Amino acid sequence: LGIFQFLMLGLSLTVASEKGTFECEFRKN
């Protein structure tokens, strides 16, 4: 579950970087 959440986080960051706007915060996985 932790690996799957990490991958989804990376995918989300990639999509957000392409649009130029994103906000991500790590809080206890």
PDB file of all heavy atoms in Angstrom:
ATOM      1  N   LEU A   1       0.853  -1.197   0.000  1.00  0.00           N
ATOM      2  CA  LEU A   1       0.000   0.000   0.000  1.00  0.00           C
ATOM      3  C   LEU A   1       0.877   1.232   0.000  1.00  0.00           C
ATOM      4  O   LEU A   1       0.593   2.202  -0.716  1.00  0.00           O
ATOM      5  CB  LEU A   1      -0.906  -0.014   1.238  1.00  0.00           C
ATOM      6  CG  LEU A   1      -1.813   1.211   1.406  1.00  0.00           C
ATOM      7  CD1 LEU A   1      -2.739   1.361   0.204  1.00  0.00           C
ATOM      8  CD2 LEU A   1      -2.639   1.086   2.696  1.00  0.00           C
ATOM      9  N   GLY A   2       1.988   1.196   0.718  1.00  0.00           N
ATOM     10  CA  GLY A   2       2.863   2.367   0.754  1.00  0.00           C
ATOM     11  C   GLY A   2       3.516   2.606  -0.609  1.00  0.00           C
ATOM     12  O   GLY A   2       3.654   3.745  -1.040  1.00  0.00           O
ATOM     13  N   ILE A   3       3.934   1.521  -1.273  1.00  0.00           N
ATOM     14  CA  ILE A   3       4.555   1.659  -2.606  1.00  0.00           C
ATOM     15  C   ILE A   3       3.550   2.241  -3.578  1.00  0.00           C
ATOM     16  O   ILE A   3       3.848   3.122  -4.390  1.00  0.00           O
ATOM     17  CB  ILE A   3       5.087   0.297  -3.108  1.00  0.00           C
ATOM     18  CG1 ILE A   3       6.210  -0.179  -2.176  1.00  0.00           C
ATOM     19  CG2 ILE A   3       5.545   0.384  -4.533  1.00  0.00           C
ATOM     20  CD1 ILE A   3       6.679  -1.612  -2.476  1.00  0.00           C
ATOM     21  N   PHE A   4       2.290   1.733  -3.497  1.00  0.00           N
ATOM     22  CA  PHE A   4       1.248   2.164  -4.438  1.00  0.00           C
ATOM     23  C   PHE A   4       0.965   3.655  -4.225  1.00  0.00           C
ATOM     24  O   PHE A   4       0.845   4.423  -5.189  1.00  0.00           O
ATOM     25  CB  PHE A   4      -0.039   1.354  -4.195  1.00  0.00           C
ATOM     26  CG  PHE A   4      -1.191   1.797  -5.081  1.00  0.00           C
ATOM     27  CD1 PHE A   4      -1.242   1.448  -6.420  1.00  0.00           C
ATOM     28  CD2 PHE A   4      -2.169   2.613  -4.559  1.00  0.00           C
ATOM     29  CE1 PHE A   4      -2.272   1.854  -7.228  1.00  0.00           C
ATOM     30  CE2 PHE A   4      -3.187   3.019  -5.382  1.00  0.00           C
ATOM     31  CZ  PHE A   4      -3.272   2.663  -6.718  1.00  0.00           C
ATOM     32  N   GLN A   5       0.927   4.097  -2.958  1.00  0.00           N
ATOM     33  CA  GLN A   5       0.661   5.512  -2.673  1.00  0.00           C
ATOM     34  C   GLN A   5       1.830   6.365  -3.181  1.00  0.00           C
ATOM     35  O   GLN A   5       1.630   7.479  -3.669  1.00  0.00           O
ATOM     36  CB  GLN A   5       0.464   5.708  -1.168  1.00  0.00           C
ATOM     37  CG  GLN A   5      -0.849   5.124  -0.651  1.00  0.00           C
ATOM     38  CD  GLN A   5      -0.990   5.282   0.858  1.00  0.00           C
ATOM     39  OE1 GLN A   5       0.027   5.567   1.531  1.00  0.00           O
ATOM     40  NE2 GLN A   5      -2.221   5.097   1.342  1.00  0.00           N
ATOM     41  N   PHE A   6       3.064   5.862  -3.075  1.00  0.00           N
ATOM     42  CA  PHE A   6       4.232   6.616  -3.546  1.00  0.00           C
ATOM     43  C   PHE A   6       4.177   6.802  -5.051  1.00  0.00           C
ATOM     44  O   PHE A   6       4.474   7.874  -5.576  1.00  0.00           O
ATOM     45  CB  PHE A   6       5.517   5.884  -3.123  1.00  0.00           C
ATOM     46  CG  PHE A   6       6.766   6.588  -3.536  1.00  0.00           C
ATOM     47  CD1 PHE A   6       7.250   7.683  -2.840  1.00  0.00           C
ATOM     48  CD2 PHE A   6       7.484   6.185  -4.673  1.00  0.00           C
ATOM     49  CE1 PHE A   6       8.387   8.345  -3.235  1.00  0.00           C
ATOM     50  CE2 PHE A   6       8.622   6.866  -5.057  1.00  0.00           C
ATOM     51  CZ  PHE A   6       9.084   7.943  -4.348  1.00  0.00           C
ATOM     52  N   LEU A   7       3.815   5.724  -5.776  1.00  0.00           N
ATOM     53  CA  LEU A   7       3.718   5.817  -7.225  1.00  0.00           C
ATOM     54  C   LEU A   7       2.648   6.807  -7.627  1.00  0.00           C
ATOM     55  O   LEU A   7       2.811   7.572  -8.592  1.00  0.00           O
ATOM     56  CB  LEU A   7       3.427   4.433  -7.820  1.00  0.00           C
ATOM     57  CG  LEU A   7       4.564   3.400  -7.699  1.00  0.00           C
ATOM     58  CD1 LEU A   7       4.094   2.041  -8.229  1.00  0.00           C
ATOM     59  CD2 LEU A   7       5.801   3.855  -8.502  1.00  0.00           C
ATOM     60  N   MET A   8       1.488   6.790  -6.940  1.00  0.00           N
ATOM     61  CA  MET A   8       0.402   7.703  -7.276  1.00  0.00           C
ATOM     62  C   MET A   8       0.815   9.129  -6.993  1.00  0.00           C
ATOM     63  O   MET A   8       0.442  10.050  -7.719  1.00  0.00           O
ATOM     64  CB  MET A   8      -0.834   7.359  -6.420  1.00  0.00           C
ATOM     65  CG  MET A   8      -1.468   6.024  -6.798  1.00  0.00           C
ATOM     66  SD  MET A   8      -1.978   5.972  -8.538  1.00  0.00           S
ATOM     67  CE  MET A   8      -3.219   7.255  -8.522  1.00  0.00           C
ATOM     68  N   LEU A   9       1.656   9.298  -5.973  1.00  0.00           N
ATOM     69  CA  LEU A   9       2.134  10.636  -5.667  1.00  0.00           C
ATOM     70  C   LEU A   9       3.028  11.137  -6.765  1.00  0.00           C
ATOM     71  O   LEU A   9       2.940  12.280  -7.199  1.00  0.00           O
ATOM     72  CB  LEU A   9       2.861  10.624  -4.329  1.00  0.00           C
ATOM     73  CG  LEU A   9       3.505  11.946  -3.903  1.00  0.00           C
ATOM     74  CD1 LEU A   9       2.456  13.046  -3.775  1.00  0.00           C
ATOM     75  CD2 LEU A   9       4.254  11.765  -2.577  1.00  0.00           C
ATOM     76  N   GLY A  10       3.912  10.269  -7.263  1.00  0.00           N
ATOM     77  CA  GLY A  10       4.813  10.695  -8.329  1.00  0.00           C
ATOM     78  C   GLY A  10       4.069  11.048  -9.583  1.00  0.00           C
ATOM     79  O   GLY A  10       4.376  12.005 -10.278  1.00  0.00           O
ATOM     80  N   LEU A  11       3.032  10.250  -9.908  1.00  0.00           N
ATOM     81  CA  LEU A  11       2.229  10.525 -11.096  1.00  0.00           C
ATOM     82  C   LEU A  11       1.535  11.848 -10.959  1.00  0.00           C
ATOM     83  O   LEU A  11       1.438  12.641 -11.904  1.00  0.00           O
ATOM     84  CB  LEU A  11       1.214   9.388 -11.292  1.00  0.00           C
ATOM     85  CG  LEU A  11       0.267   9.543 -12.484  1.00  0.00           C
ATOM     86  CD1 LEU A  11       1.094   9.582 -13.810  1.00  0.00           C
ATOM     87  CD2 LEU A  11      -0.723   8.384 -12.516  1.00  0.00           C
ATOM     88  N   SER A  12       1.082  12.136  -9.767  1.00  0.00           N
ATOM     89  CA  SER A  12       0.380  13.393  -9.550  1.00  0.00           C
ATOM     90  C   SER A  12       1.306  14.570  -9.683  1.00  0.00           C
ATOM     91  O   SER A  12       0.941  15.610 -10.220  1.00  0.00           O
ATOM     92  CB  SER A  12      -0.262  13.397  -8.148  1.00  0.00           C
ATOM     93  OG  SER A  12      -1.204  12.356  -8.034  1.00  0.00           O
ATOM     94  N   LEU A  13       2.545  14.431  -9.205  1.00  0.00           N
ATOM     95  CA  LEU A  13       3.493  15.522  -9.292  1.00  0.00           C
ATOM     96  C   LEU A  13       3.872  15.807 -10.732  1.00  0.00           C
ATOM     97  O   LEU A  13       4.063  16.949 -11.130  1.00  0.00           O
ATOM     98  CB  LEU A  13       4.763  15.182  -8.474  1.00  0.00           C
ATOM     99  CG  LEU A  13       4.568  15.174  -6.951  1.00  0.00           C
ATOM    100  CD1 LEU A  13       5.845  14.649  -6.281  1.00  0.00           C
ATOM    101  CD2 LEU A  13       4.216  16.549  -6.446  1.00  0.00           C
ATOM    102  N   THR A  14       4.012  14.740 -11.538  1.00  0.00           N
ATOM    103  CA  THR A  14       4.360  14.909 -12.942  1.00  0.00           C
ATOM    104  C   THR A  14       3.297  15.693 -13.655  1.00  0.00           C
ATOM    105  O   THR A  14       3.539  16.620 -14.428  1.00  0.00           O
ATOM    106  CB  THR A  14       4.562  13.550 -13.619  1.00  0.00           C
ATOM    107  OG1 THR A  14       5.555  12.846 -12.900  1.00  0.00           O
ATOM    108  CG2 THR A  14       4.960  13.689 -15.065  1.00  0.00           C
ATOM    109  N   VAL A  15       2.031  15.322 -13.405  1.00  0.00           N
ATOM    110  CA  VAL A  15       0.912  15.997 -14.072  1.00  0.00           C
ATOM    111  C   VAL A  15       0.838  17.439 -13.620  1.00  0.00           C
ATOM    112  O   VAL A  15       0.622  18.349 -14.400  1.00  0.00           O
ATOM    113  CB  VAL A  15      -0.425  15.291 -13.750  1.00  0.00           C
ATOM    114  CG1 VAL A  15      -1.589  16.059 -14.307  1.00  0.00           C
ATOM    115  CG2 VAL A  15      -0.407  13.881 -14.294  1.00  0.00           C
ATOM    116  N   ALA A  16       1.083  17.688 -12.348  1.00  0.00           N
ATOM    117  CA  ALA A  16       0.976  19.043 -11.817  1.00  0.00           C
ATOM    118  C   ALA A  16       2.091  19.915 -12.334  1.00  0.00           C
ATOM    119  O   ALA A  16       1.899  21.089 -12.608  1.00  0.00           O
ATOM    120  CB  ALA A  16       1.003  19.004 -10.289  1.00  0.00           C
ATOM    121  N   SER A  17       3.343  19.313 -12.529  1.00  0.00           N
ATOM    122  CA  SER A  17       4.475  20.097 -13.017  1.00  0.00           C
ATOM    123  C   SER A  17       4.265  20.517 -14.435  1.00  0.00           C
ATOM    124  O   SER A  17       4.710  21.569 -14.867  1.00  0.00           O
ATOM    125  CB  SER A  17       5.779  19.323 -12.843  1.00  0.00           C
ATOM    126  OG  SER A  17       5.736  18.140 -13.607  1.00  0.00           O
ATOM    127  N   GLU A  18       3.583  19.699 -15.202  1.00  0.00           N
ATOM    128  CA  GLU A  18       3.318  20.033 -16.590  1.00  0.00           C
ATOM    129  C   GLU A  18       2.355  21.198 -16.681  1.00  0.00           C
ATOM    130  O   GLU A  18       2.450  22.013 -17.601  1.00  0.00           O
ATOM    131  CB  GLU A  18       2.772  18.804 -17.349  1.00  0.00           C
ATOM    132  CG  GLU A  18       3.809  17.707 -17.501  1.00  0.00           C
ATOM    133  CD  GLU A  18       3.238  16.481 -18.191  1.00  0.00           C
ATOM    134  OE1 GLU A  18       1.982  16.508 -18.422  1.00  0.00           O
ATOM    135  OE2 GLU A  18       3.967  15.548 -18.486  1.00  0.00           O
ATOM    136  N   LYS A  19       1.474  21.337 -15.849  1.00  0.00           N
ATOM    137  CA  LYS A  19       0.508  22.433 -15.881  1.00  0.00           C
ATOM    138  C   LYS A  19       1.080  23.676 -15.226  1.00  0.00           C
ATOM    139  O   LYS A  19       0.546  24.742 -15.353  1.00  0.00           O
ATOM    140  CB  LYS A  19      -0.777  22.043 -15.174  1.00  0.00           C
ATOM    141  CG  LYS A  19      -1.499  20.948 -15.936  1.00  0.00           C
ATOM    142  CD  LYS A  19      -2.802  20.632 -15.229  1.00  0.00           C
ATOM    143  CE  LYS A  19      -3.575  19.580 -15.984  1.00  0.00           C
ATOM    144  NZ  LYS A  19      -4.846  19.263 -15.345  1.00  0.00           N
ATOM    145  N   GLY A  20       2.172  23.543 -14.440  1.00  0.00           N
ATOM    146  CA  GLY A  20       2.813  24.675 -13.791  1.00  0.00           C
ATOM    147  C   GLY A  20       2.237  25.034 -12.464  1.00  0.00           C
ATOM    148  O   GLY A  20       2.677  25.981 -11.841  1.00  0.00           O
ATOM    149  N   THR A  21       1.224  24.306 -12.007  1.00  0.00           N
ATOM    150  CA  THR A  21       0.607  24.597 -10.704  1.00  0.00           C
ATOM    151  C   THR A  21       0.407  23.316  -9.976  1.00  0.00           C
ATOM    152  O   THR A  21      -0.220  22.391 -10.471  1.00  0.00           O
ATOM    153  CB  THR A  21      -0.751  25.306 -10.851  1.00  0.00           C
ATOM    154  OG1 THR A  21      -1.659  24.499 -11.566  1.00  0.00           O
ATOM    155  CG2 THR A  21      -0.606  26.657 -11.516  1.00  0.00           C
ATOM    156  N   PHE A  22       0.953  23.171  -8.780  1.00  0.00           N
ATOM    157  CA  PHE A  22       0.682  21.984  -7.962  1.00  0.00           C
ATOM    158  C   PHE A  22       0.973  22.336  -6.517  1.00  0.00           C
ATOM    159  O   PHE A  22       1.646  23.293  -6.206  1.00  0.00           O
ATOM    160  CB  PHE A  22       1.550  20.784  -8.408  1.00  0.00           C
ATOM    161  CG  PHE A  22       3.024  20.969  -8.131  1.00  0.00           C
ATOM    162  CD1 PHE A  22       3.604  20.502  -6.952  1.00  0.00           C
ATOM    163  CD2 PHE A  22       3.854  21.603  -9.056  1.00  0.00           C
ATOM    164  CE1 PHE A  22       4.956  20.667  -6.703  1.00  0.00           C
ATOM    165  CE2 PHE A  22       5.203  21.756  -8.779  1.00  0.00           C
ATOM    166  CZ  PHE A  22       5.763  21.281  -7.607  1.00  0.00           C
ATOM    167  N   GLU A  23       0.428  21.549  -5.619  1.00  0.00           N
ATOM    168  CA  GLU A  23       0.655  21.712  -4.198  1.00  0.00           C
ATOM    169  C   GLU A  23       0.613  20.352  -3.583  1.00  0.00           C
ATOM    170  O   GLU A  23      -0.374  19.645  -3.696  1.00  0.00           O
ATOM    171  CB  GLU A  23      -0.428  22.598  -3.568  1.00  0.00           C
ATOM    172  CG  GLU A  23      -0.191  22.841  -2.084  1.00  0.00           C
ATOM    173  CD  GLU A  23      -1.266  23.737  -1.504  1.00  0.00           C
ATOM    174  OE1 GLU A  23      -2.127  24.183  -2.282  1.00  0.00           O
ATOM    175  OE2 GLU A  23      -1.274  23.947  -0.281  1.00  0.00           O
ATOM    176  N   CYS A  24       1.775  19.944  -2.997  1.00  0.00           N
ATOM    177  CA  CYS A  24       1.835  18.596  -2.450  1.00  0.00           C
ATOM    178  C   CYS A  24       2.501  18.664  -1.098  1.00  0.00           C
ATOM    179  O   CYS A  24       3.459  19.384  -0.920  1.00  0.00           O
ATOM    180  CB  CYS A  24       2.637  17.679  -3.409  1.00  0.00           C
ATOM    181  SG  CYS A  24       2.683  15.975  -2.807  1.00  0.00           S
ATOM    182  N   GLU A  25       1.987  17.910  -0.155  1.00  0.00           N
ATOM    183  CA  GLU A  25       2.529  17.903   1.196  1.00  0.00           C
ATOM    184  C   GLU A  25       2.489  16.499   1.729  1.00  0.00           C
ATOM    185  O   GLU A  25       1.491  15.810   1.598  1.00  0.00           O
ATOM    186  CB  GLU A  25       1.705  18.841   2.089  1.00  0.00           C
ATOM    187  CG  GLU A  25       2.232  18.914   3.518  1.00  0.00           C
ATOM    188  CD  GLU A  25       1.409  19.825   4.350  1.00  0.00           C
ATOM    189  OE1 GLU A  25       0.460  20.438   3.792  1.00  0.00           O
ATOM    190  OE2 GLU A  25       1.641  19.943   5.551  1.00  0.00           O
ATOM    191  N   PHE A  26       3.623  16.005   2.270  1.00  0.00           N
ATOM    192  CA  PHE A  26       3.701  14.674   2.851  1.00  0.00           C
ATOM    193  C   PHE A  26       3.326  14.744   4.318  1.00  0.00           C
ATOM    194  O   PHE A  26       3.947  15.486   5.072  1.00  0.00           O
ATOM    195  CB  PHE A  26       5.146  14.121   2.700  1.00  0.00           C
ATOM    196  CG  PHE A  26       5.507  13.813   1.284  1.00  0.00           C
ATOM    197  CD1 PHE A  26       6.172  14.762   0.487  1.00  0.00           C
ATOM    198  CD2 PHE A  26       5.200  12.577   0.727  1.00  0.00           C
ATOM    199  CE1 PHE A  26       6.514  14.444  -0.819  1.00  0.00           C
ATOM    200  CE2 PHE A  26       5.522  12.282  -0.562  1.00  0.00           C
ATOM    201  CZ  PHE A  26       6.173  13.214  -1.356  1.00  0.00           C
ATOM    202  N   ARG A  27       2.369  14.006   4.648  1.00  0.00           N
ATOM    203  CA  ARG A  27       1.948  13.903   6.057  1.00  0.00           C
ATOM    204  C   ARG A  27       1.605  12.469   6.353  1.00  0.00           C
ATOM    205  O   ARG A  27       0.527  11.995   6.051  1.00  0.00           O
ATOM    206  CB  ARG A  27       0.752  14.803   6.357  1.00  0.00           C
ATOM    207  CG  ARG A  27       1.088  16.290   6.293  1.00  0.00           C
ATOM    208  CD  ARG A  27      -0.135  17.104   6.656  1.00  0.00           C
ATOM    209  NE  ARG A  27       0.142  18.525   6.558  1.00  0.00           N
ATOM    210  CZ  ARG A  27      -0.785  19.472   6.736  1.00  0.00           C
ATOM    211  NH1 ARG A  27      -2.020  19.101   7.016  1.00  0.00           N
ATOM    212  NH2 ARG A  27      -0.449  20.738   6.626  1.00  0.00           N
ATOM    213  N   LYS A  28       2.580  11.784   6.948  1.00  0.00           N
ATOM    214  CA  LYS A  28       2.337  10.415   7.387  1.00  0.00           C
ATOM    215  C   LYS A  28       1.790   9.585   6.265  1.00  0.00           C
ATOM    216  O   LYS A  28       0.752   8.982   6.355  1.00  0.00           O
ATOM    217  CB  LYS A  28       1.382  10.381   8.570  1.00  0.00           C
ATOM    218  CG  LYS A  28       1.961  11.058   9.809  1.00  0.00           C
ATOM    219  CD  LYS A  28       0.973  10.968  10.959  1.00  0.00           C
ATOM    220  CE  LYS A  28       1.523  11.654  12.183  1.00  0.00           C
ATOM    221  NZ  LYS A  28       0.610  11.581  13.299  1.00  0.00           N
ATOM    222  N   ASN A  29       2.583   9.565   5.118  1.00  0.00           N
ATOM    223  CA  ASN A  29       2.225   8.713   3.987  1.00  0.00           C
ATOM    224  C   ASN A  29       0.852   9.032   3.406  1.00  0.00           C
ATOM    225  O   ASN A  29       0.138   8.174   2.916  1.00  0.00           O
ATOM    226  CB  ASN A  29       2.256   7.230   4.370  1.00  0.00           C
ATOM    227  CG  ASN A  29       3.667   6.809   4.796  1.00  0.00           C
ATOM    228  OD1 ASN A  29       4.677   7.318   4.244  1.00  0.00           O
ATOM    229  ND2 ASN A  29       3.744   5.879   5.723  1.00  0.00           N
TER     230      ASN A  29
END
